[in-house]
């Protein structure tokens, strides 16, 4: 599981900013980054493309086991094809939440995720990075924010892309996804017992990044020594 490799996990609900924070922390440390949520989006996206129902556990697990995925400069490649935009839609996120609730899919992706813990270090973001995938990680963060704030952030992102959406609908979708993620039988969304919980509702990205880096320097003395 890469116990000797320094690992920081950042978990949290949709729209909490964990992906943005994880990418920036990894950039500053010069570490690898794992966007685990993208994996479930990819499984669902590939299933849709193959005409596989999102409740077909066996077929979804086969798809998950055979994923050929690469993260490159902020882009997500599936079988060599850039599918970044396709998997970042609201419908793709809802599909991913359904796929992530299937135990066979999570098991199929577990070893692949753990294999990403390679030198010099890994920042892993998702919903069960600190509770299931890397339970021994020295630094665990649970990043949260109110549903209204998370919907507002997503609303602004979509507006910037020229996509017309309803803020009220976004709040409803986020709350529904939260219920699915928190109440699923396998790897439910929750903070690890030893995680630092950060409410980002009234914090900037820079403020959250600073808090994560502070925890990292405490856990990994070599980081402070290198400054």
C-alpha atoms as a PDB file:
ATOM      1  CA  UNK A   1       0.000   0.000   0.000  1.00  0.00           C
ATOM      2  CA  UNK A   2       2.981   2.260  -0.178  1.00  0.00           C
ATOM      3  CA  UNK A   3       3.347   2.709   3.596  1.00  0.00           C
ATOM      4  CA  UNK A   4       6.830   4.208   3.206  1.00  0.00           C
ATOM      5  CA  UNK A   5       5.623   6.789   0.723  1.00  0.00           C
ATOM      6  CA  UNK A   6       4.189   9.952   2.307  1.00  0.00           C
ATOM      7  CA  UNK A   7       0.449  10.177   1.616  1.00  0.00           C
ATOM      8  CA  UNK A   8      -2.042  12.972   2.236  1.00  0.00           C
ATOM      9  CA  UNK A   9      -5.729  12.138   1.839  1.00  0.00           C
ATOM     10  CA  UNK A  10      -8.384  14.767   1.197  1.00  0.00           C
ATOM     11  CA  UNK A  11     -11.952  13.513   1.401  1.00  0.00           C
ATOM     12  CA  UNK A  12     -15.225  15.366   1.274  1.00  0.00           C
ATOM     13  CA  UNK A  13     -18.566  15.765  -0.485  1.00  0.00           C
ATOM     14  CA  UNK A  14     -19.098  16.974  -4.028  1.00  0.00           C
ATOM     15  CA  UNK A  15     -18.205  20.639  -4.508  1.00  0.00           C
ATOM     16  CA  UNK A  16     -16.204  21.029  -1.319  1.00  0.00           C
ATOM     17  CA  UNK A  17     -13.122  22.003  -3.325  1.00  0.00           C
ATOM     18  CA  UNK A  18     -11.076  18.911  -2.529  1.00  0.00           C
ATOM     19  CA  UNK A  19      -9.928  18.410  -6.120  1.00  0.00           C
ATOM     20  CA  UNK A  20      -8.684  21.981  -6.462  1.00  0.00           C
ATOM     21  CA  UNK A  21      -6.965  21.851  -3.082  1.00  0.00           C
ATOM     22  CA  UNK A  22      -5.399  18.435  -3.725  1.00  0.00           C
ATOM     23  CA  UNK A  23      -3.994  19.552  -7.072  1.00  0.00           C
ATOM     24  CA  UNK A  24      -2.489  22.720  -5.577  1.00  0.00           C
ATOM     25  CA  UNK A  25      -1.003  20.914  -2.564  1.00  0.00           C
ATOM     26  CA  UNK A  26       0.518  18.302  -4.875  1.00  0.00           C
ATOM     27  CA  UNK A  27       1.915  21.018  -7.145  1.00  0.00           C
ATOM     28  CA  UNK A  28       3.591  22.832  -4.277  1.00  0.00           C
ATOM     29  CA  UNK A  29       5.085  19.665  -2.844  1.00  0.00           C
ATOM     30  CA  UNK A  30       6.050  18.218  -6.216  1.00  0.00           C
ATOM     31  CA  UNK A  31       4.032  15.079  -5.458  1.00  0.00           C
ATOM     32  CA  UNK A  32       1.679  12.924  -7.484  1.00  0.00           C
ATOM     33  CA  UNK A  33      -2.065  13.510  -7.289  1.00  0.00           C
ATOM     34  CA  UNK A  34      -4.879  10.948  -7.396  1.00  0.00           C
ATOM     35  CA  UNK A  35      -8.354  12.109  -8.405  1.00  0.00           C
ATOM     36  CA  UNK A  36     -10.297   9.044  -7.312  1.00  0.00           C
ATOM     37  CA  UNK A  37     -13.652  10.611  -8.167  1.00  0.00           C
ATOM     38  CA  UNK A  38     -12.613  10.697 -11.812  1.00  0.00           C
ATOM     39  CA  UNK A  39     -12.237   6.918 -11.745  1.00  0.00           C
ATOM     40  CA  UNK A  40     -15.891   6.399 -10.865  1.00  0.00           C
ATOM     41  CA  UNK A  41     -16.914   8.976 -13.445  1.00  0.00           C
ATOM     42  CA  UNK A  42     -14.858   7.037 -16.003  1.00  0.00           C
ATOM     43  CA  UNK A  43     -16.484   3.729 -15.069  1.00  0.00           C
ATOM     44  CA  UNK A  44     -19.944   5.236 -15.483  1.00  0.00           C
ATOM     45  CA  UNK A  45     -18.960   7.027 -18.691  1.00  0.00           C
ATOM     46  CA  UNK A  46     -17.518   3.827 -20.194  1.00  0.00           C
ATOM     47  CA  UNK A  47     -20.619   1.907 -19.099  1.00  0.00           C
ATOM     48  CA  UNK A  48     -22.916   4.408 -20.794  1.00  0.00           C
ATOM     49  CA  UNK A  49     -20.843   4.169 -23.957  1.00  0.00           C
ATOM     50  CA  UNK A  50     -21.068   0.380 -23.909  1.00  0.00           C
ATOM     51  CA  UNK A  51     -24.786   0.336 -23.190  1.00  0.00           C
ATOM     52  CA  UNK A  52     -24.266  -1.184 -19.739  1.00  0.00           C
ATOM     53  CA  UNK A  53     -26.860  -0.428 -17.073  1.00  0.00           C
ATOM     54  CA  UNK A  54     -25.517   1.373 -14.003  1.00  0.00           C
ATOM     55  CA  UNK A  55     -27.011  -1.281 -11.719  1.00  0.00           C
ATOM     56  CA  UNK A  56     -25.250  -4.179 -13.471  1.00  0.00           C
ATOM     57  CA  UNK A  57     -22.613  -4.832 -10.811  1.00  0.00           C
ATOM     58  CA  UNK A  58     -20.784  -7.606 -12.647  1.00  0.00           C
ATOM     59  CA  UNK A  59     -20.446  -5.699 -15.908  1.00  0.00           C
ATOM     60  CA  UNK A  60     -19.419  -2.486 -14.147  1.00  0.00           C
ATOM     61  CA  UNK A  61     -16.751  -4.351 -12.180  1.00  0.00           C
ATOM     62  CA  UNK A  62     -15.332  -5.735 -15.431  1.00  0.00           C
ATOM     63  CA  UNK A  63     -15.195  -2.235 -16.869  1.00  0.00           C
ATOM     64  CA  UNK A  64     -13.491  -0.948 -13.726  1.00  0.00           C
ATOM     65  CA  UNK A  65     -10.908  -3.736 -13.832  1.00  0.00           C
ATOM     66  CA  UNK A  66      -9.975  -2.946 -17.421  1.00  0.00           C
ATOM     67  CA  UNK A  67      -9.787   0.852 -17.246  1.00  0.00           C
ATOM     68  CA  UNK A  68      -6.845   2.282 -19.150  1.00  0.00           C
ATOM     69  CA  UNK A  69      -6.660   5.706 -17.545  1.00  0.00           C
ATOM     70  CA  UNK A  70      -4.016   8.404 -17.414  1.00  0.00           C
ATOM     71  CA  UNK A  71      -3.990  11.755 -15.616  1.00  0.00           C
ATOM     72  CA  UNK A  72      -1.889  14.231 -17.564  1.00  0.00           C
ATOM     73  CA  UNK A  73      -1.548  17.971 -16.866  1.00  0.00           C
ATOM     74  CA  UNK A  74      -5.045  18.280 -15.475  1.00  0.00           C
ATOM     75  CA  UNK A  75      -6.580  16.183 -18.248  1.00  0.00           C
ATOM     76  CA  UNK A  76      -8.117  12.714 -17.967  1.00  0.00           C
ATOM     77  CA  UNK A  77      -7.403  10.215 -20.717  1.00  0.00           C
ATOM     78  CA  UNK A  78      -9.399   7.014 -21.210  1.00  0.00           C
ATOM     79  CA  UNK A  79      -7.812   4.541 -23.629  1.00  0.00           C
ATOM     80  CA  UNK A  80      -5.682   7.435 -24.866  1.00  0.00           C
ATOM     81  CA  UNK A  81      -8.675   9.718 -25.537  1.00  0.00           C
ATOM     82  CA  UNK A  82      -9.140  12.997 -23.682  1.00  0.00           C
ATOM     83  CA  UNK A  83     -12.540  12.733 -21.962  1.00  0.00           C
ATOM     84  CA  UNK A  84     -12.029  15.469 -19.373  1.00  0.00           C
ATOM     85  CA  UNK A  85     -15.034  17.566 -20.419  1.00  0.00           C
ATOM     86  CA  UNK A  86     -17.328  14.589 -20.870  1.00  0.00           C
ATOM     87  CA  UNK A  87     -16.821  13.293 -17.332  1.00  0.00           C
ATOM     88  CA  UNK A  88     -17.117  16.689 -15.595  1.00  0.00           C
ATOM     89  CA  UNK A  89     -20.815  17.245 -16.295  1.00  0.00           C
ATOM     90  CA  UNK A  90     -23.494  17.107 -13.588  1.00  0.00           C
ATOM     91  CA  UNK A  91     -25.041  13.991 -15.133  1.00  0.00           C
ATOM     92  CA  UNK A  92     -21.623  12.279 -15.132  1.00  0.00           C
ATOM     93  CA  UNK A  93     -21.270  13.130 -11.455  1.00  0.00           C
ATOM     94  CA  UNK A  94     -24.639  11.627 -10.635  1.00  0.00           C
ATOM     95  CA  UNK A  95     -23.793   8.507 -12.656  1.00  0.00           C
ATOM     96  CA  UNK A  96     -20.488   8.232 -10.779  1.00  0.00           C
ATOM     97  CA  UNK A  97     -22.284   8.374  -7.439  1.00  0.00           C
ATOM     98  CA  UNK A  98     -24.424   5.420  -8.505  1.00  0.00           C
ATOM     99  CA  UNK A  99     -21.445   3.407  -9.721  1.00  0.00           C
ATOM    100  CA  UNK A 100     -19.486   4.187  -6.547  1.00  0.00           C
ATOM    101  CA  UNK A 101     -22.207   2.612  -4.420  1.00  0.00           C
ATOM    102  CA  UNK A 102     -21.499  -0.836  -5.926  1.00  0.00           C
ATOM    103  CA  UNK A 103     -19.048  -2.863  -3.772  1.00  0.00           C
ATOM    104  CA  UNK A 104     -17.677  -4.822  -6.736  1.00  0.00           C
ATOM    105  CA  UNK A 105     -16.699  -1.614  -8.505  1.00  0.00           C
ATOM    106  CA  UNK A 106     -14.945  -0.190  -5.460  1.00  0.00           C
ATOM    107  CA  UNK A 107     -13.039  -3.446  -4.945  1.00  0.00           C
ATOM    108  CA  UNK A 108     -11.970  -3.526  -8.595  1.00  0.00           C
ATOM    109  CA  UNK A 109     -10.459  -0.036  -8.286  1.00  0.00           C
ATOM    110  CA  UNK A 110      -8.883  -0.456  -4.854  1.00  0.00           C
ATOM    111  CA  UNK A 111      -5.487  -1.859  -5.815  1.00  0.00           C
ATOM    112  CA  UNK A 112      -5.107   0.532  -8.737  1.00  0.00           C
ATOM    113  CA  UNK A 113      -5.623   3.465  -6.388  1.00  0.00           C
ATOM    114  CA  UNK A 114      -3.168   2.101  -3.812  1.00  0.00           C
ATOM    115  CA  UNK A 115      -0.584   1.546  -6.537  1.00  0.00           C
ATOM    116  CA  UNK A 116      -0.474   5.307  -7.095  1.00  0.00           C
ATOM    117  CA  UNK A 117       1.348   5.803  -3.777  1.00  0.00           C
ATOM    118  CA  UNK A 118       4.793   6.209  -5.315  1.00  0.00           C
ATOM    119  CA  UNK A 119       7.737   8.531  -4.548  1.00  0.00           C
ATOM    120  CA  UNK A 120       8.103  11.315  -3.809  1.00  0.00           C
ATOM    121  CA  UNK A 121       4.583  11.320  -2.334  1.00  0.00           C
ATOM    122  CA  UNK A 122       0.865  11.256  -3.107  1.00  0.00           C
ATOM    123  CA  UNK A 123      -2.064  13.581  -2.481  1.00  0.00           C
ATOM    124  CA  UNK A 124      -5.255  11.542  -2.900  1.00  0.00           C
ATOM    125  CA  UNK A 125      -8.691  13.105  -3.041  1.00  0.00           C
ATOM    126  CA  UNK A 126     -12.047  11.383  -2.936  1.00  0.00           C
ATOM    127  CA  UNK A 127     -14.639  10.156  -0.502  1.00  0.00           C
ATOM    128  CA  UNK A 128     -12.960   7.165   1.139  1.00  0.00           C
ATOM    129  CA  UNK A 129      -9.253   7.858   0.716  1.00  0.00           C
ATOM    130  CA  UNK A 130      -8.629   8.208   4.463  1.00  0.00           C
ATOM    131  CA  UNK A 131     -11.138   5.618   5.636  1.00  0.00           C
ATOM    132  CA  UNK A 132     -10.595   2.759   3.171  1.00  0.00           C
ATOM    133  CA  UNK A 133      -7.913   3.252   0.527  1.00  0.00           C
ATOM    134  CA  UNK A 134      -5.128   4.770   2.660  1.00  0.00           C
ATOM    135  CA  UNK A 135      -6.225   4.227   6.286  1.00  0.00           C
ATOM    136  CA  UNK A 136      -2.623   4.578   7.514  1.00  0.00           C
ATOM    137  CA  UNK A 137      -1.964   7.922   5.819  1.00  0.00           C
ATOM    138  CA  UNK A 138      -0.262  10.268   8.319  1.00  0.00           C
ATOM    139  CA  UNK A 139      -2.252  13.281   7.099  1.00  0.00           C
ATOM    140  CA  UNK A 140      -6.002  12.997   6.584  1.00  0.00           C
ATOM    141  CA  UNK A 141      -8.220  15.928   5.715  1.00  0.00           C
ATOM    142  CA  UNK A 142     -12.014  15.995   5.471  1.00  0.00           C
ATOM    143  CA  UNK A 143     -13.034  19.072   3.499  1.00  0.00           C
ATOM    144  CA  UNK A 144     -16.633  20.185   3.835  1.00  0.00           C
ATOM    145  CA  UNK A 145     -18.861  23.167   2.991  1.00  0.00           C
ATOM    146  CA  UNK A 146     -22.558  23.903   3.137  1.00  0.00           C
ATOM    147  CA  UNK A 147     -24.705  22.506   0.317  1.00  0.00           C
ATOM    148  CA  UNK A 148     -25.723  26.052  -0.608  1.00  0.00           C
ATOM    149  CA  UNK A 149     -22.098  27.182  -0.928  1.00  0.00           C
ATOM    150  CA  UNK A 150     -21.115  24.113  -2.921  1.00  0.00           C
ATOM    151  CA  UNK A 151     -24.055  24.672  -5.276  1.00  0.00           C
ATOM    152  CA  UNK A 152     -23.103  28.345  -5.664  1.00  0.00           C
ATOM    153  CA  UNK A 153     -19.550  27.401  -6.645  1.00  0.00           C
ATOM    154  CA  UNK A 154     -20.795  24.900  -9.200  1.00  0.00           C
ATOM    155  CA  UNK A 155     -23.326  27.405 -10.514  1.00  0.00           C
ATOM    156  CA  UNK A 156     -20.588  29.961 -11.131  1.00  0.00           C
ATOM    157  CA  UNK A 157     -18.402  27.358 -12.857  1.00  0.00           C
ATOM    158  CA  UNK A 158     -21.195  26.355 -15.226  1.00  0.00           C
ATOM    159  CA  UNK A 159     -22.146  29.968 -15.925  1.00  0.00           C
ATOM    160  CA  UNK A 160     -18.536  30.691 -16.903  1.00  0.00           C
ATOM    161  CA  UNK A 161     -18.796  27.814 -19.373  1.00  0.00           C
ATOM    162  CA  UNK A 162     -21.940  29.327 -20.856  1.00  0.00           C
ATOM    163  CA  UNK A 163     -24.205  26.638 -19.394  1.00  0.00           C
ATOM    164  CA  UNK A 164     -27.579  27.844 -18.121  1.00  0.00           C
ATOM    165  CA  UNK A 165     -28.520  26.116 -14.868  1.00  0.00           C
ATOM    166  CA  UNK A 166     -30.829  26.610 -11.920  1.00  0.00           C
ATOM    167  CA  UNK A 167     -29.162  27.243  -8.573  1.00  0.00           C
ATOM    168  CA  UNK A 168     -32.147  25.675  -6.807  1.00  0.00           C
ATOM    169  CA  UNK A 169     -31.806  22.510  -8.922  1.00  0.00           C
ATOM    170  CA  UNK A 170     -28.084  22.343  -8.179  1.00  0.00           C
ATOM    171  CA  UNK A 171     -28.741  22.533  -4.431  1.00  0.00           C
ATOM    172  CA  UNK A 172     -31.275  19.697  -4.727  1.00  0.00           C
ATOM    173  CA  UNK A 173     -28.869  17.555  -6.790  1.00  0.00           C
ATOM    174  CA  UNK A 174     -26.010  18.095  -4.335  1.00  0.00           C
ATOM    175  CA  UNK A 175     -28.187  17.255  -1.345  1.00  0.00           C
ATOM    176  CA  UNK A 176     -29.421  14.080  -3.075  1.00  0.00           C
ATOM    177  CA  UNK A 177     -25.853  13.058  -3.937  1.00  0.00           C
ATOM    178  CA  UNK A 178     -24.795  13.703  -0.341  1.00  0.00           C
ATOM    179  CA  UNK A 179     -27.537  11.396   0.933  1.00  0.00           C
ATOM    180  CA  UNK A 180     -26.477   8.640  -1.477  1.00  0.00           C
ATOM    181  CA  UNK A 181     -22.795   8.992  -0.600  1.00  0.00           C
ATOM    182  CA  UNK A 182     -23.297   9.203   3.176  1.00  0.00           C
ATOM    183  CA  UNK A 183     -25.813   6.370   3.408  1.00  0.00           C
ATOM    184  CA  UNK A 184     -24.391   3.787   1.017  1.00  0.00           C
ATOM    185  CA  UNK A 185     -23.577   0.421   2.565  1.00  0.00           C
ATOM    186  CA  UNK A 186     -19.975   0.327   1.317  1.00  0.00           C
ATOM    187  CA  UNK A 187     -17.380   3.013   2.146  1.00  0.00           C
ATOM    188  CA  UNK A 188     -19.888   5.710   3.111  1.00  0.00           C
ATOM    189  CA  UNK A 189     -18.750   9.312   3.012  1.00  0.00           C
ATOM    190  CA  UNK A 190     -17.532  10.268   6.482  1.00  0.00           C
ATOM    191  CA  UNK A 191     -14.398  11.684   8.108  1.00  0.00           C
ATOM    192  CA  UNK A 192     -11.762   9.215   9.277  1.00  0.00           C
ATOM    193  CA  UNK A 193     -11.530   9.232  13.093  1.00  0.00           C
ATOM    194  CA  UNK A 194      -8.134  10.944  12.919  1.00  0.00           C
ATOM    195  CA  UNK A 195      -8.958  13.361  10.086  1.00  0.00           C
ATOM    196  CA  UNK A 196      -8.749  17.125  10.391  1.00  0.00           C
ATOM    197  CA  UNK A 197     -12.171  18.472   9.398  1.00  0.00           C
ATOM    198  CA  UNK A 198     -12.019  21.779   7.534  1.00  0.00           C
ATOM    199  CA  UNK A 199     -15.176  23.736   6.707  1.00  0.00           C
ATOM    200  CA  UNK A 200     -14.327  25.667   3.548  1.00  0.00           C
ATOM    201  CA  UNK A 201     -17.631  27.553   3.325  1.00  0.00           C
ATOM    202  CA  UNK A 202     -16.009  30.877   4.247  1.00  0.00           C
ATOM    203  CA  UNK A 203     -12.408  30.050   3.303  1.00  0.00           C
ATOM    204  CA  UNK A 204     -10.461  30.746   0.128  1.00  0.00           C
ATOM    205  CA  UNK A 205      -8.588  28.002  -1.699  1.00  0.00           C
ATOM    206  CA  UNK A 206      -5.319  29.526  -0.503  1.00  0.00           C
ATOM    207  CA  UNK A 207      -6.459  29.423   3.125  1.00  0.00           C
ATOM    208  CA  UNK A 208      -7.408  25.752   2.866  1.00  0.00           C
ATOM    209  CA  UNK A 209      -4.155  24.875   1.084  1.00  0.00           C
ATOM    210  CA  UNK A 210      -2.206  26.605   3.861  1.00  0.00           C
ATOM    211  CA  UNK A 211      -3.981  24.518   6.513  1.00  0.00           C
ATOM    212  CA  UNK A 212      -3.233  21.280   4.641  1.00  0.00           C
ATOM    213  CA  UNK A 213       0.429  22.189   4.139  1.00  0.00           C
ATOM    214  CA  UNK A 214       0.727  23.025   7.829  1.00  0.00           C
ATOM    215  CA  UNK A 215      -0.475  19.529   8.698  1.00  0.00           C
ATOM    216  CA  UNK A 216       1.899  18.028   6.131  1.00  0.00           C
ATOM    217  CA  UNK A 217       4.932  19.808   7.568  1.00  0.00           C
ATOM    218  CA  UNK A 218       4.072  18.541  11.032  1.00  0.00           C
ATOM    219  CA  UNK A 219       3.707  14.952   9.828  1.00  0.00           C
ATOM    220  CA  UNK A 220       6.641  14.926   7.400  1.00  0.00           C
ATOM    221  CA  UNK A 221       9.651  16.728   8.966  1.00  0.00           C
ATOM    222  CA  UNK A 222      11.594  16.364   5.729  1.00  0.00           C
ATOM    223  CA  UNK A 223       9.286  18.934   4.129  1.00  0.00           C
ATOM    224  CA  UNK A 224      10.137  21.613   6.679  1.00  0.00           C
ATOM    225  CA  UNK A 225      13.827  20.760   6.395  1.00  0.00           C
ATOM    226  CA  UNK A 226      13.716  21.253   2.663  1.00  0.00           C
ATOM    227  CA  UNK A 227      12.394  24.817   2.937  1.00  0.00           C
END
